[in-house]
């Protein structure tokens, strides 16, 4: 499974969009801005969804916050969200499992690009 995800991730790097469907799974390219006042989506940065989070990038706190934030926004459990690359970087690739459709907020954001 990991090998398959790495192949998918390599293909995804070449895409000019911040998300990609893979069956029922959604792959997101995310750019993190840590130490913010709030947790929020703030737009697009280099074909990645830019997310501001409150947590500092220390001891995995930012990664835990982004997983919790995305789980809330997608109305899924935290176990449905995993960081597949970029754990130590601002640029991350996130896998969201068993998503049936894009949330309205993401559709609206995509329309405004």
PDB file of N, CA and C in Angstrom:
ATOM      1  N   UNK A   1       0.826  -1.196   0.000  1.00  0.00           N
ATOM      2  CA  UNK A   1       0.000   0.000   0.000  1.00  0.00           C
ATOM      3  C   UNK A   1       0.868   1.257   0.000  1.00  0.00           C
ATOM      4  N   UNK A   2       1.920   1.260   0.809  1.00  0.00           N
ATOM      5  CA  UNK A   2       2.794   2.429   0.866  1.00  0.00           C
ATOM      6  C   UNK A   2       3.426   2.696  -0.489  1.00  0.00           C
ATOM      7  N   UNK A   3       3.876   1.626  -1.173  1.00  0.00           N
ATOM      8  CA  UNK A   3       4.478   1.785  -2.493  1.00  0.00           C
ATOM      9  C   UNK A   3       3.488   2.427  -3.460  1.00  0.00           C
ATOM     10  N   UNK A   4       2.234   1.990  -3.427  1.00  0.00           N
ATOM     11  CA  UNK A   4       1.211   2.561  -4.283  1.00  0.00           C
ATOM     12  C   UNK A   4       1.006   4.040  -3.977  1.00  0.00           C
ATOM     13  N   UNK A   5       0.971   4.393  -2.698  1.00  0.00           N
ATOM     14  CA  UNK A   5       0.793   5.794  -2.320  1.00  0.00           C
ATOM     15  C   UNK A   5       1.956   6.650  -2.788  1.00  0.00           C
ATOM     16  N   UNK A   6       3.154   6.106  -2.732  1.00  0.00           N
ATOM     17  CA  UNK A   6       4.313   6.872  -3.189  1.00  0.00           C
ATOM     18  C   UNK A   6       4.244   7.121  -4.683  1.00  0.00           C
ATOM     19  N   UNK A   7       3.769   6.126  -5.440  1.00  0.00           N
ATOM     20  CA  UNK A   7       3.596   6.312  -6.881  1.00  0.00           C
ATOM     21  C   UNK A   7       2.538   7.371  -7.140  1.00  0.00           C
ATOM     22  N   UNK A   8       1.417   7.269  -6.442  1.00  0.00           N
ATOM     23  CA  UNK A   8       0.354   8.258  -6.599  1.00  0.00           C
ATOM     24  C   UNK A   8       0.853   9.643  -6.230  1.00  0.00           C
ATOM     25  N   UNK A   9       1.635   9.713  -5.167  1.00  0.00           N
ATOM     26  CA  UNK A   9       2.149  10.997  -4.709  1.00  0.00           C
ATOM     27  C   UNK A   9       3.096  11.594  -5.744  1.00  0.00           C
ATOM     28  N   UNK A  10       3.927  10.762  -6.370  1.00  0.00           N
ATOM     29  CA  UNK A  10       4.849  11.258  -7.391  1.00  0.00           C
ATOM     30  C   UNK A  10       4.070  11.823  -8.575  1.00  0.00           C
ATOM     31  N   UNK A  11       3.001  11.145  -8.999  1.00  0.00           N
ATOM     32  CA  UNK A  11       2.161  11.659 -10.078  1.00  0.00           C
ATOM     33  C   UNK A  11       1.487  12.956  -9.659  1.00  0.00           C
ATOM     34  N   UNK A  12       1.089  13.007  -8.418  1.00  0.00           N
ATOM     35  CA  UNK A  12       0.376  14.171  -7.885  1.00  0.00           C
ATOM     36  C   UNK A  12       1.269  15.403  -7.865  1.00  0.00           C
ATOM     37  N   UNK A  13       2.556  15.216  -7.642  1.00  0.00           N
ATOM     38  CA  UNK A  13       3.485  16.343  -7.626  1.00  0.00           C
ATOM     39  C   UNK A  13       3.488  17.080  -8.953  1.00  0.00           C
ATOM     40  N   UNK A  14       3.206  16.368 -10.027  1.00  0.00           N
ATOM     41  CA  UNK A  14       3.231  16.968 -11.346  1.00  0.00           C
ATOM     42  C   UNK A  14       1.937  17.697 -11.689  1.00  0.00           C
ATOM     43  N   UNK A  15       0.897  17.455 -10.915  1.00  0.00           N
ATOM     44  CA  UNK A  15      -0.405  18.063 -11.185  1.00  0.00           C
ATOM     45  C   UNK A  15      -0.367  19.558 -10.901  1.00  0.00           C
ATOM     46  N   UNK A  16      -1.233  20.280 -11.604  1.00  0.00           N
ATOM     47  CA  UNK A  16      -1.302  21.730 -11.393  1.00  0.00           C
ATOM     48  C   UNK A  16      -2.513  22.118 -10.553  1.00  0.00           C
ATOM     49  N   UNK A  17      -2.997  21.200  -9.763  1.00  0.00           N
ATOM     50  CA  UNK A  17      -4.164  21.433  -8.932  1.00  0.00           C
ATOM     51  C   UNK A  17      -3.871  20.963  -7.509  1.00  0.00           C
ATOM     52  N   UNK A  18      -4.580  21.497  -6.531  1.00  0.00           N
ATOM     53  CA  UNK A  18      -4.271  21.167  -5.143  1.00  0.00           C
ATOM     54  C   UNK A  18      -4.953  19.901  -4.640  1.00  0.00           C
ATOM     55  N   UNK A  19      -5.817  19.290  -5.452  1.00  0.00           N
ATOM     56  CA  UNK A  19      -6.403  18.016  -5.031  1.00  0.00           C
ATOM     57  C   UNK A  19      -6.526  17.066  -6.213  1.00  0.00           C
ATOM     58  N   UNK A  20      -6.634  15.785  -5.863  1.00  0.00           N
ATOM     59  CA  UNK A  20      -6.765  14.752  -6.879  1.00  0.00           C
ATOM     60  C   UNK A  20      -7.553  13.592  -6.276  1.00  0.00           C
ATOM     61  N   UNK A  21      -8.493  13.066  -7.043  1.00  0.00           N
ATOM     62  CA  UNK A  21      -9.262  11.907  -6.606  1.00  0.00           C
ATOM     63  C   UNK A  21      -8.525  10.630  -6.946  1.00  0.00           C
ATOM     64  N   UNK A  22      -8.592   9.665  -6.044  1.00  0.00           N
ATOM     65  CA  UNK A  22      -8.086   8.313  -6.287  1.00  0.00           C
ATOM     66  C   UNK A  22      -9.113   7.367  -5.685  1.00  0.00           C
ATOM     67  N   UNK A  23     -10.046   6.906  -6.520  1.00  0.00           N
ATOM     68  CA  UNK A  23     -11.199   6.119  -6.064  1.00  0.00           C
ATOM     69  C   UNK A  23     -11.988   6.959  -5.059  1.00  0.00           C
ATOM     70  N   UNK A  24     -12.227   6.441  -3.858  1.00  0.00           N
ATOM     71  CA  UNK A  24     -12.952   7.192  -2.825  1.00  0.00           C
ATOM     72  C   UNK A  24     -12.022   8.045  -1.971  1.00  0.00           C
ATOM     73  N   UNK A  25     -10.764   8.074  -2.311  1.00  0.00           N
ATOM     74  CA  UNK A  25      -9.784   8.814  -1.522  1.00  0.00           C
ATOM     75  C   UNK A  25      -9.442  10.134  -2.202  1.00  0.00           C
ATOM     76  N   UNK A  26      -9.156  11.105  -1.386  1.00  0.00           N
ATOM     77  CA  UNK A  26      -8.797  12.424  -1.879  1.00  0.00           C
ATOM     78  C   UNK A  26      -7.372  12.730  -1.447  1.00  0.00           C
ATOM     79  N   UNK A  27      -6.542  13.114  -2.400  1.00  0.00           N
ATOM     80  CA  UNK A  27      -5.176  13.540  -2.110  1.00  0.00           C
ATOM     81  C   UNK A  27      -5.134  15.055  -2.166  1.00  0.00           C
ATOM     82  N   UNK A  28      -4.608  15.665  -1.112  1.00  0.00           N
ATOM     83  CA  UNK A  28      -4.501  17.118  -1.049  1.00  0.00           C
ATOM     84  C   UNK A  28      -3.047  17.546  -0.959  1.00  0.00           C
ATOM     85  N   UNK A  29      -2.711  18.592  -1.673  1.00  0.00           N
ATOM     86  CA  UNK A  29      -1.428  19.261  -1.481  1.00  0.00           C
ATOM     87  C   UNK A  29      -1.713  20.436  -0.562  1.00  0.00           C
ATOM     88  N   UNK A  30      -1.007  20.495   0.550  1.00  0.00           N
ATOM     89  CA  UNK A  30      -1.259  21.524   1.555  1.00  0.00           C
ATOM     90  C   UNK A  30       0.030  22.261   1.875  1.00  0.00           C
ATOM     91  N   UNK A  31      -0.090  23.563   2.037  1.00  0.00           N
ATOM     92  CA  UNK A  31       1.020  24.398   2.508  1.00  0.00           C
ATOM     93  C   UNK A  31       0.609  24.935   3.880  1.00  0.00           C
ATOM     94  N   UNK A  32       1.403  24.639   4.892  1.00  0.00           N
ATOM     95  CA  UNK A  32       1.070  24.988   6.274  1.00  0.00           C
ATOM     96  C   UNK A  32       1.751  26.290   6.686  1.00  0.00           C
ATOM     97  N   UNK A  33       0.989  27.144   7.337  1.00  0.00           N
ATOM     98  CA  UNK A  33       1.526  28.323   8.007  1.00  0.00           C
ATOM     99  C   UNK A  33       1.248  28.133   9.492  1.00  0.00           C
ATOM    100  N   UNK A  34       2.266  27.785  10.241  1.00  0.00           N
ATOM    101  CA  UNK A  34       2.118  27.490  11.667  1.00  0.00           C
ATOM    102  C   UNK A  34       2.136  28.770  12.508  1.00  0.00           C
ATOM    103  N   UNK A  35       1.785  28.615  13.774  1.00  0.00           N
ATOM    104  CA  UNK A  35       1.786  29.707  14.760  1.00  0.00           C
ATOM    105  C   UNK A  35       0.803  30.825  14.429  1.00  0.00           C
ATOM    106  N   UNK A  36      -0.317  30.479  13.808  1.00  0.00           N
ATOM    107  CA  UNK A  36      -1.334  31.480  13.497  1.00  0.00           C
ATOM    108  C   UNK A  36      -2.242  31.734  14.688  1.00  0.00           C
ATOM    109  N   UNK A  37      -3.115  32.709  14.544  1.00  0.00           N
ATOM    110  CA  UNK A  37      -4.078  33.006  15.608  1.00  0.00           C
ATOM    111  C   UNK A  37      -5.254  32.052  15.579  1.00  0.00           C
ATOM    112  N   UNK A  38      -5.547  31.499  14.393  1.00  0.00           N
ATOM    113  CA  UNK A  38      -6.675  30.584  14.230  1.00  0.00           C
ATOM    114  C   UNK A  38      -6.283  29.436  13.311  1.00  0.00           C
ATOM    115  N   UNK A  39      -7.131  28.414  13.275  1.00  0.00           N
ATOM    116  CA  UNK A  39      -6.999  27.354  12.287  1.00  0.00           C
ATOM    117  C   UNK A  39      -7.974  27.692  11.165  1.00  0.00           C
ATOM    118  N   UNK A  40      -7.440  27.903   9.948  1.00  0.00           N
ATOM    119  CA  UNK A  40      -8.318  28.279   8.842  1.00  0.00           C
ATOM    120  C   UNK A  40      -7.640  28.073   7.498  1.00  0.00           C
ATOM    121  N   UNK A  41      -8.462  27.928   6.466  1.00  0.00           N
ATOM    122  CA  UNK A  41      -7.966  27.896   5.099  1.00  0.00           C
ATOM    123  C   UNK A  41      -7.816  29.345   4.657  1.00  0.00           C
ATOM    124  N   UNK A  42      -6.686  29.651   4.038  1.00  0.00           N
ATOM    125  CA  UNK A  42      -6.472  31.048   3.656  1.00  0.00           C
ATOM    126  C   UNK A  42      -6.232  31.235   2.164  1.00  0.00           C
ATOM    127  N   UNK A  43      -6.378  30.177   1.381  1.00  0.00           N
ATOM    128  CA  UNK A  43      -6.253  30.327  -0.061  1.00  0.00           C
ATOM    129  C   UNK A  43      -5.366  29.284  -0.691  1.00  0.00           C
ATOM    130  N   UNK A  44      -4.798  29.662  -1.824  1.00  0.00           N
ATOM    131  CA  UNK A  44      -3.943  28.770  -2.604  1.00  0.00           C
ATOM    132  C   UNK A  44      -2.542  29.371  -2.668  1.00  0.00           C
ATOM    133  N   UNK A  45      -1.539  28.509  -2.498  1.00  0.00           N
ATOM    134  CA  UNK A  45      -0.134  28.932  -2.552  1.00  0.00           C
ATOM    135  C   UNK A  45       0.624  27.879  -3.353  1.00  0.00           C
ATOM    136  N   UNK A  46       1.142  28.248  -4.521  1.00  0.00           N
ATOM    137  CA  UNK A  46       1.903  27.315  -5.375  1.00  0.00           C
ATOM    138  C   UNK A  46       1.150  26.012  -5.629  1.00  0.00           C
ATOM    139  N   UNK A  47      -0.082  26.107  -6.090  1.00  0.00           N
ATOM    140  CA  UNK A  47      -0.947  24.960  -6.370  1.00  0.00           C
ATOM    141  C   UNK A  47      -1.170  24.064  -5.145  1.00  0.00           C
ATOM    142  N   UNK A  48      -1.110  24.643  -3.966  1.00  0.00           N
ATOM    143  CA  UNK A  48      -1.394  23.924  -2.720  1.00  0.00           C
ATOM    144  C   UNK A  48      -2.432  24.702  -1.930  1.00  0.00           C
ATOM    145  N   UNK A  49      -3.239  23.976  -1.189  1.00  0.00           N
ATOM    146  CA  UNK A  49      -4.208  24.594  -0.297  1.00  0.00           C
ATOM    147  C   UNK A  49      -3.445  25.142   0.904  1.00  0.00           C
ATOM    148  N   UNK A  50      -3.525  26.445   1.121  1.00  0.00           N
ATOM    149  CA  UNK A  50      -2.789  27.066   2.225  1.00  0.00           C
ATOM    150  C   UNK A  50      -3.660  27.055   3.473  1.00  0.00           C
ATOM    151  N   UNK A  51      -3.092  26.521   4.553  1.00  0.00           N
ATOM    152  CA  UNK A  51      -3.813  26.382   5.809  1.00  0.00           C
ATOM    153  C   UNK A  51      -3.011  27.029   6.924  1.00  0.00           C
ATOM    154  N   UNK A  52      -3.670  27.930   7.645  1.00  0.00           N
ATOM    155  CA  UNK A  52      -3.049  28.554   8.817  1.00  0.00           C
ATOM    156  C   UNK A  52      -3.505  27.760  10.038  1.00  0.00           C
ATOM    157  N   UNK A  53      -2.553  27.405  10.896  1.00  0.00           N
ATOM    158  CA  UNK A  53      -2.886  26.679  12.120  1.00  0.00           C
ATOM    159  C   UNK A  53      -2.242  27.351  13.324  1.00  0.00           C
ATOM    160  N   UNK A  54      -2.850  27.135  14.490  1.00  0.00           N
ATOM    161  CA  UNK A  54      -2.360  27.760  15.722  1.00  0.00           C
ATOM    162  C   UNK A  54      -1.088  27.105  16.254  1.00  0.00           C
ATOM    163  N   UNK A  55      -0.950  25.826  16.050  1.00  0.00           N
ATOM    164  CA  UNK A  55       0.142  25.075  16.676  1.00  0.00           C
ATOM    165  C   UNK A  55       1.506  25.409  16.089  1.00  0.00           C
ATOM    166  N   UNK A  56       2.542  25.296  16.912  1.00  0.00           N
ATOM    167  CA  UNK A  56       3.909  25.483  16.405  1.00  0.00           C
ATOM    168  C   UNK A  56       4.387  24.193  15.719  1.00  0.00           C
ATOM    169  N   UNK A  57       5.356  24.326  14.826  1.00  0.00           N
ATOM    170  CA  UNK A  57       5.889  23.142  14.142  1.00  0.00           C
ATOM    171  C   UNK A  57       6.946  22.426  14.994  1.00  0.00           C
ATOM    172  N   UNK A  58       6.562  22.050  16.196  1.00  0.00           N
ATOM    173  CA  UNK A  58       7.485  21.424  17.138  1.00  0.00           C
ATOM    174  C   UNK A  58       6.882  20.108  17.620  1.00  0.00           C
ATOM    175  N   UNK A  59       7.681  19.066  17.644  1.00  0.00           N
ATOM    176  CA  UNK A  59       7.278  17.760  18.185  1.00  0.00           C
ATOM    177  C   UNK A  59       5.988  17.226  17.578  1.00  0.00           C
ATOM    178  N   UNK A  60       5.751  17.477  16.311  1.00  0.00           N
ATOM    179  CA  UNK A  60       4.571  16.948  15.630  1.00  0.00           C
ATOM    180  C   UNK A  60       3.263  17.639  15.965  1.00  0.00           C
ATOM    181  N   UNK A  61       3.323  18.730  16.717  1.00  0.00           N
ATOM    182  CA  UNK A  61       2.091  19.432  17.108  1.00  0.00           C
ATOM    183  C   UNK A  61       1.339  19.976  15.901  1.00  0.00           C
ATOM    184  N   UNK A  62       2.049  20.541  14.946  1.00  0.00           N
ATOM    185  CA  UNK A  62       1.395  21.089  13.754  1.00  0.00           C
ATOM    186  C   UNK A  62       0.725  19.977  12.957  1.00  0.00           C
ATOM    187  N   UNK A  63       1.376  18.829  12.831  1.00  0.00           N
ATOM    188  CA  UNK A  63       0.786  17.711  12.091  1.00  0.00           C
ATOM    189  C   UNK A  63      -0.483  17.207  12.773  1.00  0.00           C
ATOM    190  N   UNK A  64      -0.464  17.112  14.085  1.00  0.00           N
ATOM    191  CA  UNK A  64      -1.655  16.667  14.819  1.00  0.00           C
ATOM    192  C   UNK A  64      -2.794  17.665  14.636  1.00  0.00           C
ATOM    193  N   UNK A  65      -2.461  18.947  14.660  1.00  0.00           N
ATOM    194  CA  UNK A  65      -3.483  19.978  14.487  1.00  0.00           C
ATOM    195  C   UNK A  65      -4.084  19.930  13.092  1.00  0.00           C
ATOM    196  N   UNK A  66      -3.254  19.751  12.072  1.00  0.00           N
ATOM    197  CA  UNK A  66      -3.784  19.731  10.707  1.00  0.00           C
ATOM    198  C   UNK A  66      -4.679  18.515  10.499  1.00  0.00           C
ATOM    199  N   UNK A  67      -4.318  17.383  11.072  1.00  0.00           N
ATOM    200  CA  UNK A  67      -5.161  16.189  10.952  1.00  0.00           C
ATOM    201  C   UNK A  67      -6.505  16.418  11.643  1.00  0.00           C
ATOM    202  N   UNK A  68      -6.477  16.973  12.837  1.00  0.00           N
ATOM    203  CA  UNK A  68      -7.721  17.251  13.566  1.00  0.00           C
ATOM    204  C   UNK A  68      -8.571  18.281  12.820  1.00  0.00           C
ATOM    205  N   UNK A  69      -7.943  19.329  12.312  1.00  0.00           N
ATOM    206  CA  UNK A  69      -8.645  20.385  11.584  1.00  0.00           C
ATOM    207  C   UNK A  69      -9.313  19.824  10.327  1.00  0.00           C
ATOM    208  N   UNK A  70      -8.568  19.038   9.543  1.00  0.00           N
ATOM    209  CA  UNK A  70      -9.135  18.464   8.321  1.00  0.00           C
ATOM    210  C   UNK A  70     -10.256  17.476   8.635  1.00  0.00           C
ATOM    211  N   UNK A  71     -10.078  16.687   9.681  1.00  0.00           N
ATOM    212  CA  UNK A  71     -11.125  15.736  10.071  1.00  0.00           C
ATOM    213  C   UNK A  71     -12.417  16.479  10.397  1.00  0.00           C
ATOM    214  N   UNK A  72     -12.303  17.592  11.097  1.00  0.00           N
ATOM    215  CA  UNK A  72     -13.474  18.402  11.426  1.00  0.00           C
ATOM    216  C   UNK A  72     -14.104  18.980  10.162  1.00  0.00           C
ATOM    217  N   UNK A  73     -13.295  19.533   9.287  1.00  0.00           N
ATOM    218  CA  UNK A  73     -13.804  20.178   8.077  1.00  0.00           C
ATOM    219  C   UNK A  73     -14.444  19.186   7.106  1.00  0.00           C
ATOM    220  N   UNK A  74     -13.915  17.961   7.062  1.00  0.00           N
ATOM    221  CA  UNK A  74     -14.466  16.932   6.179  1.00  0.00           C
ATOM    222  C   UNK A  74     -15.504  16.054   6.889  1.00  0.00           C
ATOM    223  N   UNK A  75     -15.732  16.344   8.171  1.00  0.00           N
ATOM    224  CA  UNK A  75     -16.692  15.576   8.967  1.00  0.00           C
ATOM    225  C   UNK A  75     -16.350  14.081   8.972  1.00  0.00           C
ATOM    226  N   UNK A  76     -15.070  13.794   9.231  1.00  0.00           N
ATOM    227  CA  UNK A  76     -14.554  12.426   9.274  1.00  0.00           C
ATOM    228  C   UNK A  76     -13.800  12.215  10.575  1.00  0.00           C
ATOM    229  N   UNK A  77     -13.464  10.968  10.855  1.00  0.00           N
ATOM    230  CA  UNK A  77     -12.632  10.679  12.019  1.00  0.00           C
ATOM    231  C   UNK A  77     -11.177  11.023  11.699  1.00  0.00           C
ATOM    232  N   UNK A  78     -10.392  11.262  12.725  1.00  0.00           N
ATOM    233  CA  UNK A  78      -8.972  11.570  12.534  1.00  0.00           C
ATOM    234  C   UNK A  78      -8.246  10.406  11.877  1.00  0.00           C
ATOM    235  N   UNK A  79      -8.725   9.182  12.086  1.00  0.00           N
ATOM    236  CA  UNK A  79      -8.071   8.017  11.484  1.00  0.00           C
ATOM    237  C   UNK A  79      -8.252   7.974   9.963  1.00  0.00           C
ATOM    238  N   UNK A  80      -9.164   8.768   9.427  1.00  0.00           N
ATOM    239  CA  UNK A  80      -9.377   8.842   7.979  1.00  0.00           C
ATOM    240  C   UNK A  80      -8.399   9.786   7.291  1.00  0.00           C
ATOM    241  N   UNK A  81      -7.628  10.522   8.074  1.00  0.00           N
ATOM    242  CA  UNK A  81      -6.695  11.522   7.542  1.00  0.00           C
ATOM    243  C   UNK A  81      -5.270  11.083   7.849  1.00  0.00           C
ATOM    244  N   UNK A  82      -4.412  11.088   6.837  1.00  0.00           N
ATOM    245  CA  UNK A  82      -3.003  10.762   7.097  1.00  0.00           C
ATOM    246  C   UNK A  82      -2.097  11.627   6.223  1.00  0.00           C
ATOM    247  N   UNK A  83      -0.985  12.005   6.795  1.00  0.00           N
ATOM    248  CA  UNK A  83       0.040  12.759   6.059  1.00  0.00           C
ATOM    249  C   UNK A  83       0.935  11.724   5.401  1.00  0.00           C
ATOM    250  N   UNK A  84       0.967  11.726   4.061  1.00  0.00           N
ATOM    251  CA  UNK A  84       1.752  10.712   3.366  1.00  0.00           C
ATOM    252  C   UNK A  84       3.121  11.209   2.948  1.00  0.00           C
ATOM    253  N   UNK A  85       3.315  12.524   2.967  1.00  0.00           N
ATOM    254  CA  UNK A  85       4.664  13.064   2.760  1.00  0.00           C
ATOM    255  C   UNK A  85       4.710  14.481   3.315  1.00  0.00           C
ATOM    256  N   UNK A  86       5.909  14.905   3.696  1.00  0.00           N
ATOM    257  CA  UNK A  86       6.109  16.260   4.189  1.00  0.00           C
ATOM    258  C   UNK A  86       5.892  16.427   5.677  1.00  0.00           C
ATOM    259  N   UNK A  87       6.034  15.371   6.441  1.00  0.00           N
ATOM    260  CA  UNK A  87       5.802  15.479   7.888  1.00  0.00           C
ATOM    261  C   UNK A  87       6.680  16.528   8.552  1.00  0.00           C
ATOM    262  N   UNK A  88       7.860  16.766   8.014  1.00  0.00           N
ATOM    263  CA  UNK A  88       8.782  17.748   8.604  1.00  0.00           C
ATOM    264  C   UNK A  88       8.885  19.024   7.775  1.00  0.00           C
ATOM    265  N   UNK A  89       7.961  19.203   6.834  1.00  0.00           N
ATOM    266  CA  UNK A  89       7.994  20.363   5.944  1.00  0.00           C
ATOM    267  C   UNK A  89       6.672  21.118   5.976  1.00  0.00           C
ATOM    268  N   UNK A  90       6.703  22.336   5.470  1.00  0.00           N
ATOM    269  CA  UNK A  90       5.456  23.098   5.322  1.00  0.00           C
ATOM    270  C   UNK A  90       4.580  22.496   4.234  1.00  0.00           C
ATOM    271  N   UNK A  91       5.216  22.017   3.165  1.00  0.00           N
ATOM    272  CA  UNK A  91       4.487  21.397   2.054  1.00  0.00           C
ATOM    273  C   UNK A  91       4.199  19.947   2.405  1.00  0.00           C
ATOM    274  N   UNK A  92       2.922  19.596   2.403  1.00  0.00           N
ATOM    275  CA  UNK A  92       2.511  18.250   2.797  1.00  0.00           C
ATOM    276  C   UNK A  92       1.588  17.662   1.752  1.00  0.00           C
ATOM    277  N   UNK A  93       1.581  16.338   1.680  1.00  0.00           N
ATOM    278  CA  UNK A  93       0.620  15.589   0.882  1.00  0.00           C
ATOM    279  C   UNK A  93      -0.228  14.821   1.884  1.00  0.00           C
ATOM    280  N   UNK A  94      -1.538  15.025   1.817  1.00  0.00           N
ATOM    281  CA  UNK A  94      -2.450  14.442   2.791  1.00  0.00           C
ATOM    282  C   UNK A  94      -3.431  13.537   2.066  1.00  0.00           C
ATOM    283  N   UNK A  95      -3.641  12.357   2.623  1.00  0.00           N
ATOM    284  CA  UNK A  95      -4.611  11.406   2.100  1.00  0.00           C
ATOM    285  C   UNK A  95      -5.843  11.436   2.994  1.00  0.00           C
ATOM    286  N   UNK A  96      -6.994  11.645   2.373  1.00  0.00           N
ATOM    287  CA  UNK A  96      -8.261  11.640   3.096  1.00  0.00           C
ATOM    288  C   UNK A  96      -9.049  10.456   2.558  1.00  0.00           C
ATOM    289  N   UNK A  97      -9.272   9.470   3.415  1.00  0.00           N
ATOM    290  CA  UNK A  97      -9.884   8.204   2.997  1.00  0.00           C
ATOM    291  C   UNK A  97     -11.403   8.267   3.053  1.00  0.00           C
ATOM    292  N   UNK A  98     -11.990   7.545   2.108  1.00  0.00           N
ATOM    293  CA  UNK A  98     -13.441   7.334   2.069  1.00  0.00           C
ATOM    294  C   UNK A  98     -14.245   8.629   2.033  1.00  0.00           C
ATOM    295  N   UNK A  99     -13.867   9.503   1.134  1.00  0.00           N
ATOM    296  CA  UNK A  99     -14.610  10.746   0.932  1.00  0.00           C
ATOM    297  C   UNK A  99     -15.592  10.510  -0.220  1.00  0.00           C
ATOM    298  N   UNK A 100     -16.843  10.823  -0.017  1.00  0.00           N
ATOM    299  CA  UNK A 100     -17.845  10.607  -1.057  1.00  0.00           C
ATOM    300  C   UNK A 100     -17.946  11.769  -2.030  1.00  0.00           C
ATOM    301  N   UNK A 101     -17.711  12.974  -1.531  1.00  0.00           N
ATOM    302  CA  UNK A 101     -17.760  14.157  -2.382  1.00  0.00           C
ATOM    303  C   UNK A 101     -16.967  15.272  -1.720  1.00  0.00           C
ATOM    304  N   UNK A 102     -16.662  16.285  -2.506  1.00  0.00           N
ATOM    305  CA  UNK A 102     -15.967  17.447  -1.964  1.00  0.00           C
ATOM    306  C   UNK A 102     -16.921  18.252  -1.102  1.00  0.00           C
ATOM    307  N   UNK A 103     -16.460  18.749   0.035  1.00  0.00           N
ATOM    308  CA  UNK A 103     -17.301  19.635   0.836  1.00  0.00           C
ATOM    309  C   UNK A 103     -17.571  20.940   0.080  1.00  0.00           C
ATOM    310  N   UNK A 104     -18.679  21.585   0.398  1.00  0.00           N
ATOM    311  CA  UNK A 104     -19.058  22.826  -0.277  1.00  0.00           C
ATOM    312  C   UNK A 104     -17.973  23.899  -0.184  1.00  0.00           C
ATOM    313  N   UNK A 105     -17.328  24.028   0.978  1.00  0.00           N
ATOM    314  CA  UNK A 105     -16.301  25.061   1.140  1.00  0.00           C
ATOM    315  C   UNK A 105     -15.143  24.835   0.173  1.00  0.00           C
ATOM    316  N   UNK A 106     -14.839  23.559  -0.126  1.00  0.00           N
ATOM    317  CA  UNK A 106     -13.741  23.262  -1.036  1.00  0.00           C
ATOM    318  C   UNK A 106     -14.168  23.488  -2.489  1.00  0.00           C
ATOM    319  N   UNK A 107     -15.415  23.195  -2.798  1.00  0.00           N
ATOM    320  CA  UNK A 107     -15.944  23.460  -4.136  1.00  0.00           C
ATOM    321  C   UNK A 107     -15.914  24.957  -4.413  1.00  0.00           C
ATOM    322  N   UNK A 108     -16.340  25.754  -3.441  1.00  0.00           N
ATOM    323  CA  UNK A 108     -16.331  27.208  -3.599  1.00  0.00           C
ATOM    324  C   UNK A 108     -14.910  27.748  -3.768  1.00  0.00           C
ATOM    325  N   UNK A 109     -13.997  27.236  -2.986  1.00  0.00           N
ATOM    326  CA  UNK A 109     -12.602  27.659  -3.096  1.00  0.00           C
ATOM    327  C   UNK A 109     -12.054  27.312  -4.483  1.00  0.00           C
ATOM    328  N   UNK A 110     -12.384  26.136  -4.963  1.00  0.00           N
ATOM    329  CA  UNK A 110     -11.911  25.692  -6.273  1.00  0.00           C
ATOM    330  C   UNK A 110     -12.507  26.551  -7.384  1.00  0.00           C
ATOM    331  N   UNK A 111     -13.750  26.971  -7.259  1.00  0.00           N
ATOM    332  CA  UNK A 111     -14.397  27.823  -8.264  1.00  0.00           C
ATOM    333  C   UNK A 111     -13.711  29.179  -8.383  1.00  0.00           C
ATOM    334  N   UNK A 112     -13.182  29.659  -7.266  1.00  0.00           N
ATOM    335  CA  UNK A 112     -12.576  30.990  -7.248  1.00  0.00           C
ATOM    336  C   UNK A 112     -11.147  31.018  -7.760  1.00  0.00           C
ATOM    337  N   UNK A 113     -10.637  29.905  -8.214  1.00  0.00           N
ATOM    338  CA  UNK A 113      -9.253  29.878  -8.722  1.00  0.00           C
ATOM    339  C   UNK A 113      -9.186  30.353 -10.154  1.00  0.00           C
TER     340      UNK A 113
END
